[in-house]
């Protein structure tokens, strides 16, 4: 593991542990961290378009599929029923108040 990855893991043990348990590759985890996905609040706010941007390279296709499935399951298990499906999340740039992330 590169020094940058080790440093990111120490700074973000929560997000790293979650996505490691999902079976996301080390490269996929590094990609999430490089894109600024660092905490549970980010997992709650991710929408489909953003997930596609994070895993935009074809080499991440497997991680993208697994990430979407596991994100839905994680949201359901953590009481985020309204946000369970990334398609239901309104991207922050489409709302005037970024704290309001759920579409109607």
PDB file of N, CA and C in Angstrom:
ATOM      1  N   UNK A   1       0.848  -1.175   0.000  1.00  0.00           N
ATOM      2  CA  UNK A   1       0.000   0.000   0.000  1.00  0.00           C
ATOM      3  C   UNK A   1       0.897   1.241   0.000  1.00  0.00           C
ATOM      4  N   UNK A   2       0.577   2.199  -0.818  1.00  0.00           N
ATOM      5  CA  UNK A   2       1.354   3.421  -0.897  1.00  0.00           C
ATOM      6  C   UNK A   2       1.168   4.256   0.361  1.00  0.00           C
ATOM      7  N   UNK A   3       2.144   5.143   0.617  1.00  0.00           N
ATOM      8  CA  UNK A   3       2.095   5.992   1.810  1.00  0.00           C
ATOM      9  C   UNK A   3       0.828   6.854   1.843  1.00  0.00           C
ATOM     10  N   UNK A   4       0.434   7.399   0.669  1.00  0.00           N
ATOM     11  CA  UNK A   4      -0.773   8.234   0.605  1.00  0.00           C
ATOM     12  C   UNK A   4      -2.012   7.432   1.007  1.00  0.00           C
ATOM     13  N   UNK A   5      -2.088   6.182   0.536  1.00  0.00           N
ATOM     14  CA  UNK A   5      -3.227   5.340   0.880  1.00  0.00           C
ATOM     15  C   UNK A   5      -3.241   5.029   2.367  1.00  0.00           C
ATOM     16  N   UNK A   6      -2.059   4.739   2.949  1.00  0.00           N
ATOM     17  CA  UNK A   6      -1.982   4.458   4.378  1.00  0.00           C
ATOM     18  C   UNK A   6      -2.426   5.674   5.175  1.00  0.00           C
ATOM     19  N   UNK A   7      -1.987   6.843   4.758  1.00  0.00           N
ATOM     20  CA  UNK A   7      -2.360   8.077   5.436  1.00  0.00           C
ATOM     21  C   UNK A   7      -3.866   8.304   5.349  1.00  0.00           C
ATOM     22  N   UNK A   8      -4.431   8.104   4.163  1.00  0.00           N
ATOM     23  CA  UNK A   8      -5.875   8.282   3.983  1.00  0.00           C
ATOM     24  C   UNK A   8      -6.647   7.300   4.848  1.00  0.00           C
ATOM     25  N   UNK A   9      -6.148   6.064   4.948  1.00  0.00           N
ATOM     26  CA  UNK A   9      -6.836   5.065   5.751  1.00  0.00           C
ATOM     27  C   UNK A   9      -6.830   5.464   7.221  1.00  0.00           C
ATOM     28  N   UNK A  10      -5.713   5.989   7.705  1.00  0.00           N
ATOM     29  CA  UNK A  10      -5.636   6.418   9.109  1.00  0.00           C
ATOM     30  C   UNK A  10      -6.583   7.585   9.372  1.00  0.00           C
ATOM     31  N   UNK A  11      -6.721   8.475   8.409  1.00  0.00           N
ATOM     32  CA  UNK A  11      -7.587   9.639   8.579  1.00  0.00           C
ATOM     33  C   UNK A  11      -9.060   9.292   8.416  1.00  0.00           C
ATOM     34  N   UNK A  12      -9.375   8.208   7.726  1.00  0.00           N
ATOM     35  CA  UNK A  12     -10.759   7.866   7.376  1.00  0.00           C
ATOM     36  C   UNK A  12     -11.085   6.413   7.689  1.00  0.00           C
ATOM     37  N   UNK A  13     -10.827   5.967   8.909  1.00  0.00           N
ATOM     38  CA  UNK A  13     -11.041   4.545   9.173  1.00  0.00           C
ATOM     39  C   UNK A  13     -12.491   4.116   9.011  1.00  0.00           C
ATOM     40  N   UNK A  14     -13.434   5.018   9.257  1.00  0.00           N
ATOM     41  CA  UNK A  14     -14.852   4.681   9.175  1.00  0.00           C
ATOM     42  C   UNK A  14     -15.259   4.321   7.755  1.00  0.00           C
ATOM     43  N   UNK A  15     -14.983   5.198   6.801  1.00  0.00           N
ATOM     44  CA  UNK A  15     -15.376   4.966   5.414  1.00  0.00           C
ATOM     45  C   UNK A  15     -14.599   3.798   4.819  1.00  0.00           C
ATOM     46  N   UNK A  16     -13.321   3.699   5.146  1.00  0.00           N
ATOM     47  CA  UNK A  16     -12.495   2.622   4.610  1.00  0.00           C
ATOM     48  C   UNK A  16     -13.014   1.280   5.106  1.00  0.00           C
ATOM     49  N   UNK A  17     -13.307   1.183   6.377  1.00  0.00           N
ATOM     50  CA  UNK A  17     -13.809  -0.077   6.941  1.00  0.00           C
ATOM     51  C   UNK A  17     -15.138  -0.467   6.298  1.00  0.00           C
ATOM     52  N   UNK A  18     -16.016   0.497   6.120  1.00  0.00           N
ATOM     53  CA  UNK A  18     -17.326   0.208   5.529  1.00  0.00           C
ATOM     54  C   UNK A  18     -17.159  -0.376   4.127  1.00  0.00           C
ATOM     55  N   UNK A  19     -16.427   0.325   3.259  1.00  0.00           N
ATOM     56  CA  UNK A  19     -16.346  -0.124   1.866  1.00  0.00           C
ATOM     57  C   UNK A  19     -15.441  -1.347   1.702  1.00  0.00           C
ATOM     58  N   UNK A  20     -14.476  -1.533   2.614  1.00  0.00           N
ATOM     59  CA  UNK A  20     -13.699  -2.779   2.590  1.00  0.00           C
ATOM     60  C   UNK A  20     -14.613  -3.969   2.851  1.00  0.00           C
ATOM     61  N   UNK A  21     -15.501  -3.804   3.824  1.00  0.00           N
ATOM     62  CA  UNK A  21     -16.452  -4.875   4.145  1.00  0.00           C
ATOM     63  C   UNK A  21     -17.388  -5.176   2.978  1.00  0.00           C
ATOM     64  N   UNK A  22     -17.605  -4.188   2.111  1.00  0.00           N
ATOM     65  CA  UNK A  22     -18.457  -4.373   0.938  1.00  0.00           C
ATOM     66  C   UNK A  22     -17.735  -5.131  -0.166  1.00  0.00           C
ATOM     67  N   UNK A  23     -16.415  -5.261  -0.072  1.00  0.00           N
ATOM     68  CA  UNK A  23     -15.659  -5.955  -1.102  1.00  0.00           C
ATOM     69  C   UNK A  23     -15.146  -5.039  -2.207  1.00  0.00           C
ATOM     70  N   UNK A  24     -15.120  -3.733  -1.950  1.00  0.00           N
ATOM     71  CA  UNK A  24     -14.585  -2.791  -2.929  1.00  0.00           C
ATOM     72  C   UNK A  24     -13.062  -2.959  -2.970  1.00  0.00           C
ATOM     73  N   UNK A  25     -12.490  -2.938  -4.169  1.00  0.00           N
ATOM     74  CA  UNK A  25     -11.048  -3.132  -4.334  1.00  0.00           C
ATOM     75  C   UNK A  25     -10.267  -1.985  -3.695  1.00  0.00           C
ATOM     76  N   UNK A  26      -8.987  -2.222  -3.440  1.00  0.00           N
ATOM     77  CA  UNK A  26      -8.126  -1.164  -2.899  1.00  0.00           C
ATOM     78  C   UNK A  26      -8.087   0.037  -3.834  1.00  0.00           C
ATOM     79  N   UNK A  27      -8.050  -0.216  -5.140  1.00  0.00           N
ATOM     80  CA  UNK A  27      -8.063   0.887  -6.106  1.00  0.00           C
ATOM     81  C   UNK A  27      -9.381   1.656  -6.043  1.00  0.00           C
ATOM     82  N   UNK A  28     -10.484   0.934  -5.862  1.00  0.00           N
ATOM     83  CA  UNK A  28     -11.788   1.585  -5.742  1.00  0.00           C
ATOM     84  C   UNK A  28     -11.875   2.438  -4.485  1.00  0.00           C
ATOM     85  N   UNK A  29     -11.318   1.920  -3.390  1.00  0.00           N
ATOM     86  CA  UNK A  29     -11.301   2.681  -2.134  1.00  0.00           C
ATOM     87  C   UNK A  29     -10.450   3.933  -2.311  1.00  0.00           C
ATOM     88  N   UNK A  30      -9.297   3.781  -2.943  1.00  0.00           N
ATOM     89  CA  UNK A  30      -8.435   4.939  -3.191  1.00  0.00           C
ATOM     90  C   UNK A  30      -9.164   5.976  -4.034  1.00  0.00           C
ATOM     91  N   UNK A  31      -9.919   5.514  -5.022  1.00  0.00           N
ATOM     92  CA  UNK A  31     -10.670   6.421  -5.894  1.00  0.00           C
ATOM     93  C   UNK A  31     -11.714   7.195  -5.087  1.00  0.00           C
ATOM     94  N   UNK A  32     -12.432   6.514  -4.204  1.00  0.00           N
ATOM     95  CA  UNK A  32     -13.412   7.190  -3.351  1.00  0.00           C
ATOM     96  C   UNK A  32     -12.744   8.269  -2.510  1.00  0.00           C
ATOM     97  N   UNK A  33     -11.616   7.935  -1.896  1.00  0.00           N
ATOM     98  CA  UNK A  33     -10.911   8.893  -1.051  1.00  0.00           C
ATOM     99  C   UNK A  33     -10.372  10.063  -1.858  1.00  0.00           C
ATOM    100  N   UNK A  34      -9.838   9.779  -3.048  1.00  0.00           N
ATOM    101  CA  UNK A  34      -9.332  10.857  -3.899  1.00  0.00           C
ATOM    102  C   UNK A  34     -10.444  11.800  -4.335  1.00  0.00           C
ATOM    103  N   UNK A  35     -11.670  11.275  -4.424  1.00  0.00           N
ATOM    104  CA  UNK A  35     -12.816  12.096  -4.824  1.00  0.00           C
ATOM    105  C   UNK A  35     -13.465  12.789  -3.618  1.00  0.00           C
ATOM    106  N   UNK A  36     -12.877  12.618  -2.445  1.00  0.00           N
ATOM    107  CA  UNK A  36     -13.370  13.323  -1.265  1.00  0.00           C
ATOM    108  C   UNK A  36     -14.468  12.616  -0.503  1.00  0.00           C
ATOM    109  N   UNK A  37     -14.730  11.356  -0.824  1.00  0.00           N
ATOM    110  CA  UNK A  37     -15.748  10.594  -0.098  1.00  0.00           C
ATOM    111  C   UNK A  37     -15.071  10.068   1.162  1.00  0.00           C
ATOM    112  N   UNK A  38     -15.386  10.689   2.306  1.00  0.00           N
ATOM    113  CA  UNK A  38     -14.612  10.427   3.511  1.00  0.00           C
ATOM    114  C   UNK A  38     -15.443  10.026   4.733  1.00  0.00           C
ATOM    115  N   UNK A  39     -16.736  10.211   4.706  1.00  0.00           N
ATOM    116  CA  UNK A  39     -17.524   9.918   5.896  1.00  0.00           C
ATOM    117  C   UNK A  39     -18.911   9.403   5.572  1.00  0.00           C
ATOM    118  N   UNK A  40     -19.594   9.031   6.615  1.00  0.00           N
ATOM    119  CA  UNK A  40     -20.955   8.503   6.466  1.00  0.00           C
ATOM    120  C   UNK A  40     -21.883   9.523   5.798  1.00  0.00           C
ATOM    121  N   UNK A  41     -21.669  10.805   6.089  1.00  0.00           N
ATOM    122  CA  UNK A  41     -22.519  11.836   5.487  1.00  0.00           C
ATOM    123  C   UNK A  41     -22.372  11.847   3.974  1.00  0.00           C
ATOM    124  N   UNK A  42     -21.200  11.500   3.486  1.00  0.00           N
ATOM    125  CA  UNK A  42     -21.005  11.414   2.035  1.00  0.00           C
ATOM    126  C   UNK A  42     -21.771  10.220   1.466  1.00  0.00           C
ATOM    127  N   UNK A  43     -21.744   9.096   2.173  1.00  0.00           N
ATOM    128  CA  UNK A  43     -22.490   7.927   1.701  1.00  0.00           C
ATOM    129  C   UNK A  43     -23.984   8.212   1.666  1.00  0.00           C
ATOM    130  N   UNK A  44     -24.454   9.002   2.613  1.00  0.00           N
ATOM    131  CA  UNK A  44     -25.877   9.349   2.646  1.00  0.00           C
ATOM    132  C   UNK A  44     -26.262  10.277   1.502  1.00  0.00           C
ATOM    133  N   UNK A  45     -25.329  11.108   1.043  1.00  0.00           N
ATOM    134  CA  UNK A  45     -25.654  12.137   0.050  1.00  0.00           C
ATOM    135  C   UNK A  45     -25.323  11.753  -1.393  1.00  0.00           C
ATOM    136  N   UNK A  46     -24.607  10.665  -1.604  1.00  0.00           N
ATOM    137  CA  UNK A  46     -24.226  10.292  -2.976  1.00  0.00           C
ATOM    138  C   UNK A  46     -25.442   9.976  -3.832  1.00  0.00           C
ATOM    139  N   UNK A  47     -25.472  10.537  -5.030  1.00  0.00           N
ATOM    140  CA  UNK A  47     -26.522  10.220  -5.990  1.00  0.00           C
ATOM    141  C   UNK A  47     -25.924   9.371  -7.116  1.00  0.00           C
ATOM    142  N   UNK A  48     -26.775   8.849  -7.978  1.00  0.00           N
ATOM    143  CA  UNK A  48     -26.345   7.966  -9.065  1.00  0.00           C
ATOM    144  C   UNK A  48     -25.316   8.622  -9.985  1.00  0.00           C
ATOM    145  N   UNK A  49     -25.557   9.883 -10.345  1.00  0.00           N
ATOM    146  CA  UNK A  49     -24.646  10.571 -11.261  1.00  0.00           C
ATOM    147  C   UNK A  49     -23.252  10.720 -10.650  1.00  0.00           C
ATOM    148  N   UNK A  50     -23.197  11.021  -9.374  1.00  0.00           N
ATOM    149  CA  UNK A  50     -21.907  11.178  -8.703  1.00  0.00           C
ATOM    150  C   UNK A  50     -21.187   9.843  -8.605  1.00  0.00           C
ATOM    151  N   UNK A  51     -21.908   8.789  -8.309  1.00  0.00           N
ATOM    152  CA  UNK A  51     -21.302   7.454  -8.251  1.00  0.00           C
ATOM    153  C   UNK A  51     -20.704   7.109  -9.611  1.00  0.00           C
ATOM    154  N   UNK A  52     -21.427   7.424 -10.672  1.00  0.00           N
ATOM    155  CA  UNK A  52     -20.919   7.163 -12.029  1.00  0.00           C
ATOM    156  C   UNK A  52     -19.659   7.965 -12.317  1.00  0.00           C
ATOM    157  N   UNK A  53     -19.587   9.192 -11.811  1.00  0.00           N
ATOM    158  CA  UNK A  53     -18.390  10.015 -12.010  1.00  0.00           C
ATOM    159  C   UNK A  53     -17.204   9.457 -11.238  1.00  0.00           C
ATOM    160  N   UNK A  54     -17.453   8.996 -10.028  1.00  0.00           N
ATOM    161  CA  UNK A  54     -16.371   8.452  -9.207  1.00  0.00           C
ATOM    162  C   UNK A  54     -15.776   7.220  -9.874  1.00  0.00           C
ATOM    163  N   UNK A  55     -16.628   6.337 -10.351  1.00  0.00           N
ATOM    164  CA  UNK A  55     -16.180   5.090 -10.965  1.00  0.00           C
ATOM    165  C   UNK A  55     -16.297   5.171 -12.491  1.00  0.00           C
ATOM    166  N   UNK A  56     -15.853   6.293 -13.068  1.00  0.00           N
ATOM    167  CA  UNK A  56     -16.052   6.558 -14.494  1.00  0.00           C
ATOM    168  C   UNK A  56     -15.196   5.683 -15.410  1.00  0.00           C
ATOM    169  N   UNK A  57     -14.069   5.241 -14.945  1.00  0.00           N
ATOM    170  CA  UNK A  57     -13.177   4.414 -15.760  1.00  0.00           C
ATOM    171  C   UNK A  57     -13.729   2.985 -15.833  1.00  0.00           C
ATOM    172  N   UNK A  58     -13.642   2.373 -17.018  1.00  0.00           N
ATOM    173  CA  UNK A  58     -14.154   1.002 -17.192  1.00  0.00           C
ATOM    174  C   UNK A  58     -13.518   0.000 -16.244  1.00  0.00           C
ATOM    175  N   UNK A  59     -12.304   0.284 -15.784  1.00  0.00           N
ATOM    176  CA  UNK A  59     -11.641  -0.651 -14.873  1.00  0.00           C
ATOM    177  C   UNK A  59     -12.322  -0.696 -13.511  1.00  0.00           C
ATOM    178  N   UNK A  60     -13.205   0.266 -13.230  1.00  0.00           N
ATOM    179  CA  UNK A  60     -13.938   0.308 -11.965  1.00  0.00           C
ATOM    180  C   UNK A  60     -15.368  -0.213 -12.091  1.00  0.00           C
ATOM    181  N   UNK A  61     -15.731  -0.801 -13.215  1.00  0.00           N
ATOM    182  CA  UNK A  61     -17.110  -1.222 -13.437  1.00  0.00           C
ATOM    183  C   UNK A  61     -17.603  -2.182 -12.354  1.00  0.00           C
ATOM    184  N   UNK A  62     -16.789  -3.169 -12.018  1.00  0.00           N
ATOM    185  CA  UNK A  62     -17.172  -4.120 -10.969  1.00  0.00           C
ATOM    186  C   UNK A  62     -17.383  -3.432  -9.634  1.00  0.00           C
ATOM    187  N   UNK A  63     -16.452  -2.544  -9.278  1.00  0.00           N
ATOM    188  CA  UNK A  63     -16.594  -1.793  -8.027  1.00  0.00           C
ATOM    189  C   UNK A  63     -17.853  -0.938  -8.048  1.00  0.00           C
ATOM    190  N   UNK A  64     -18.156  -0.339  -9.190  1.00  0.00           N
ATOM    191  CA  UNK A  64     -19.332   0.519  -9.313  1.00  0.00           C
ATOM    192  C   UNK A  64     -20.614  -0.268  -9.044  1.00  0.00           C
ATOM    193  N   UNK A  65     -20.714  -1.438  -9.637  1.00  0.00           N
ATOM    194  CA  UNK A  65     -21.906  -2.281  -9.460  1.00  0.00           C
ATOM    195  C   UNK A  65     -22.049  -2.693  -7.998  1.00  0.00           C
ATOM    196  N   UNK A  66     -20.972  -3.198  -7.425  1.00  0.00           N
ATOM    197  CA  UNK A  66     -21.008  -3.640  -6.029  1.00  0.00           C
ATOM    198  C   UNK A  66     -21.290  -2.457  -5.109  1.00  0.00           C
ATOM    199  N   UNK A  67     -20.648  -1.319  -5.374  1.00  0.00           N
ATOM    200  CA  UNK A  67     -20.843  -0.133  -4.536  1.00  0.00           C
ATOM    201  C   UNK A  67     -22.309   0.282  -4.512  1.00  0.00           C
ATOM    202  N   UNK A  68     -22.946   0.333  -5.679  1.00  0.00           N
ATOM    203  CA  UNK A  68     -24.365   0.737  -5.739  1.00  0.00           C
ATOM    204  C   UNK A  68     -25.252  -0.214  -4.930  1.00  0.00           C
ATOM    205  N   UNK A  69     -25.042  -1.503  -5.102  1.00  0.00           N
ATOM    206  CA  UNK A  69     -25.850  -2.505  -4.382  1.00  0.00           C
ATOM    207  C   UNK A  69     -25.633  -2.387  -2.880  1.00  0.00           C
ATOM    208  N   UNK A  70     -24.378  -2.336  -2.468  1.00  0.00           N
ATOM    209  CA  UNK A  70     -24.048  -2.274  -1.042  1.00  0.00           C
ATOM    210  C   UNK A  70     -24.478  -0.947  -0.423  1.00  0.00           C
ATOM    211  N   UNK A  71     -24.428   0.141  -1.192  1.00  0.00           N
ATOM    212  CA  UNK A  71     -24.870   1.435  -0.681  1.00  0.00           C
ATOM    213  C   UNK A  71     -26.368   1.400  -0.373  1.00  0.00           C
ATOM    214  N   UNK A  72     -27.143   0.815  -1.257  1.00  0.00           N
ATOM    215  CA  UNK A  72     -28.588   0.680  -1.019  1.00  0.00           C
ATOM    216  C   UNK A  72     -28.831  -0.127   0.241  1.00  0.00           C
ATOM    217  N   UNK A  73     -28.150  -1.263   0.372  1.00  0.00           N
ATOM    218  CA  UNK A  73     -28.310  -2.112   1.562  1.00  0.00           C
ATOM    219  C   UNK A  73     -27.877  -1.378   2.830  1.00  0.00           C
ATOM    220  N   UNK A  74     -26.746  -0.661   2.753  1.00  0.00           N
ATOM    221  CA  UNK A  74     -26.236   0.073   3.910  1.00  0.00           C
ATOM    222  C   UNK A  74     -27.232   1.138   4.350  1.00  0.00           C
ATOM    223  N   UNK A  75     -27.785   1.867   3.394  1.00  0.00           N
ATOM    224  CA  UNK A  75     -28.759   2.907   3.725  1.00  0.00           C
ATOM    225  C   UNK A  75     -30.003   2.303   4.361  1.00  0.00           C
ATOM    226  N   UNK A  76     -30.480   1.176   3.863  1.00  0.00           N
ATOM    227  CA  UNK A  76     -31.653   0.526   4.434  1.00  0.00           C
ATOM    228  C   UNK A  76     -31.377   0.067   5.861  1.00  0.00           C
ATOM    229  N   UNK A  77     -30.206  -0.504   6.089  1.00  0.00           N
ATOM    230  CA  UNK A  77     -29.839  -1.001   7.418  1.00  0.00           C
ATOM    231  C   UNK A  77     -29.589   0.121   8.414  1.00  0.00           C
ATOM    232  N   UNK A  78     -29.285   1.302   7.930  1.00  0.00           N
ATOM    233  CA  UNK A  78     -28.979   2.431   8.803  1.00  0.00           C
ATOM    234  C   UNK A  78     -30.135   3.420   8.907  1.00  0.00           C
ATOM    235  N   UNK A  79     -31.334   2.969   8.552  1.00  0.00           N
ATOM    236  CA  UNK A  79     -32.523   3.791   8.733  1.00  0.00           C
ATOM    237  C   UNK A  79     -32.670   4.939   7.760  1.00  0.00           C
ATOM    238  N   UNK A  80     -32.038   4.841   6.611  1.00  0.00           N
ATOM    239  CA  UNK A  80     -32.136   5.891   5.601  1.00  0.00           C
ATOM    240  C   UNK A  80     -33.033   5.432   4.452  1.00  0.00           C
ATOM    241  N   UNK A  81     -34.245   5.033   4.777  1.00  0.00           N
ATOM    242  CA  UNK A  81     -35.155   4.487   3.778  1.00  0.00           C
ATOM    243  C   UNK A  81     -35.398   5.441   2.612  1.00  0.00           C
ATOM    244  N   UNK A  82     -35.542   6.740   2.907  1.00  0.00           N
ATOM    245  CA  UNK A  82     -35.791   7.710   1.831  1.00  0.00           C
ATOM    246  C   UNK A  82     -34.614   7.812   0.881  1.00  0.00           C
ATOM    247  N   UNK A  83     -33.410   7.532   1.379  1.00  0.00           N
ATOM    248  CA  UNK A  83     -32.208   7.649   0.575  1.00  0.00           C
ATOM    249  C   UNK A  83     -31.708   6.301   0.086  1.00  0.00           C
ATOM    250  N   UNK A  84     -32.439   5.226   0.361  1.00  0.00           N
ATOM    251  CA  UNK A  84     -31.933   3.885   0.066  1.00  0.00           C
ATOM    252  C   UNK A  84     -31.476   3.736  -1.377  1.00  0.00           C
ATOM    253  N   UNK A  85     -32.241   4.229  -2.303  1.00  0.00           N
ATOM    254  CA  UNK A  85     -31.876   4.130  -3.710  1.00  0.00           C
ATOM    255  C   UNK A  85     -31.196   5.420  -4.145  1.00  0.00           C
ATOM    256  N   UNK A  86     -29.954   5.339  -4.669  1.00  0.00           N
ATOM    257  CA  UNK A  86     -29.256   6.555  -5.104  1.00  0.00           C
ATOM    258  C   UNK A  86     -30.031   7.379  -6.125  1.00  0.00           C
ATOM    259  N   UNK A  87     -30.971   6.757  -6.841  1.00  0.00           N
ATOM    260  CA  UNK A  87     -31.779   7.501  -7.814  1.00  0.00           C
ATOM    261  C   UNK A  87     -32.710   8.491  -7.121  1.00  0.00           C
ATOM    262  N   UNK A  88     -33.007   8.268  -5.828  1.00  0.00           N
ATOM    263  CA  UNK A  88     -33.911   9.144  -5.089  1.00  0.00           C
ATOM    264  C   UNK A  88     -33.203  10.346  -4.488  1.00  0.00           C
ATOM    265  N   UNK A  89     -31.894  10.368  -4.546  1.00  0.00           N
ATOM    266  CA  UNK A  89     -31.129  11.451  -3.932  1.00  0.00           C
ATOM    267  C   UNK A  89     -30.995  12.593  -4.928  1.00  0.00           C
ATOM    268  N   UNK A  90     -31.345  13.785  -4.474  1.00  0.00           N
ATOM    269  CA  UNK A  90     -31.230  14.968  -5.319  1.00  0.00           C
ATOM    270  C   UNK A  90     -29.804  15.494  -5.191  1.00  0.00           C
ATOM    271  N   UNK A  91     -29.091  15.657  -6.312  1.00  0.00           N
ATOM    272  CA  UNK A  91     -27.723  16.170  -6.249  1.00  0.00           C
ATOM    273  C   UNK A  91     -27.691  17.543  -5.580  1.00  0.00           C
ATOM    274  N   UNK A  92     -26.647  17.802  -4.784  1.00  0.00           N
ATOM    275  CA  UNK A  92     -26.570  19.074  -4.053  1.00  0.00           C
ATOM    276  C   UNK A  92     -26.694  20.309  -4.940  1.00  0.00           C
ATOM    277  N   UNK A  93     -26.211  20.257  -6.174  1.00  0.00           N
ATOM    278  CA  UNK A  93     -26.290  21.431  -7.039  1.00  0.00           C
ATOM    279  C   UNK A  93     -27.710  21.703  -7.530  1.00  0.00           C
ATOM    280  N   UNK A  94     -28.652  20.787  -7.272  1.00  0.00           N
ATOM    281  CA  UNK A  94     -30.026  20.976  -7.728  1.00  0.00           C
ATOM    282  C   UNK A  94     -30.965  21.462  -6.626  1.00  0.00           C
ATOM    283  N   UNK A  95     -30.438  21.660  -5.428  1.00  0.00           N
ATOM    284  CA  UNK A  95     -31.276  22.142  -4.336  1.00  0.00           C
ATOM    285  C   UNK A  95     -30.691  23.421  -3.769  1.00  0.00           C
ATOM    286  N   UNK A  96     -31.562  24.287  -3.274  1.00  0.00           N
ATOM    287  CA  UNK A  96     -31.076  25.542  -2.699  1.00  0.00           C
ATOM    288  C   UNK A  96     -30.479  25.320  -1.322  1.00  0.00           C
ATOM    289  N   UNK A  97     -30.977  24.363  -0.582  1.00  0.00           N
ATOM    290  CA  UNK A  97     -30.459  24.042   0.739  1.00  0.00           C
ATOM    291  C   UNK A  97     -29.805  22.668   0.666  1.00  0.00           C
ATOM    292  N   UNK A  98     -28.456  22.569   0.685  1.00  0.00           N
ATOM    293  CA  UNK A  98     -27.786  21.280   0.545  1.00  0.00           C
ATOM    294  C   UNK A  98     -28.101  20.295   1.666  1.00  0.00           C
ATOM    295  N   UNK A  99     -28.662  20.771   2.772  1.00  0.00           N
ATOM    296  CA  UNK A  99     -29.036  19.852   3.844  1.00  0.00           C
ATOM    297  C   UNK A  99     -30.290  19.070   3.471  1.00  0.00           C
ATOM    298  N   UNK A 100     -31.032  19.528   2.473  1.00  0.00           N
ATOM    299  CA  UNK A 100     -32.227  18.833   2.016  1.00  0.00           C
ATOM    300  C   UNK A 100     -31.856  18.019   0.790  1.00  0.00           C
ATOM    301  N   UNK A 101     -31.530  16.741   1.003  1.00  0.00           N
ATOM    302  CA  UNK A 101     -31.008  15.921  -0.072  1.00  0.00           C
ATOM    303  C   UNK A 101     -32.020  14.949  -0.669  1.00  0.00           C
ATOM    304  N   UNK A 102     -33.192  14.825  -0.072  1.00  0.00           N
ATOM    305  CA  UNK A 102     -34.151  13.829  -0.539  1.00  0.00           C
ATOM    306  C   UNK A 102     -35.127  14.457  -1.509  1.00  0.00           C
ATOM    307  N   UNK A 103     -35.299  13.831  -2.681  1.00  0.00           N
ATOM    308  CA  UNK A 103     -36.273  14.317  -3.647  1.00  0.00           C
ATOM    309  C   UNK A 103     -37.688  13.997  -3.225  1.00  0.00           C
ATOM    310  N   UNK A 104     -38.643  14.763  -3.691  1.00  0.00           N
ATOM    311  CA  UNK A 104     -40.050  14.522  -3.329  1.00  0.00           C
ATOM    312  C   UNK A 104     -40.724  13.679  -4.363  1.00  0.00           C
TER     313      UNK A 104
END
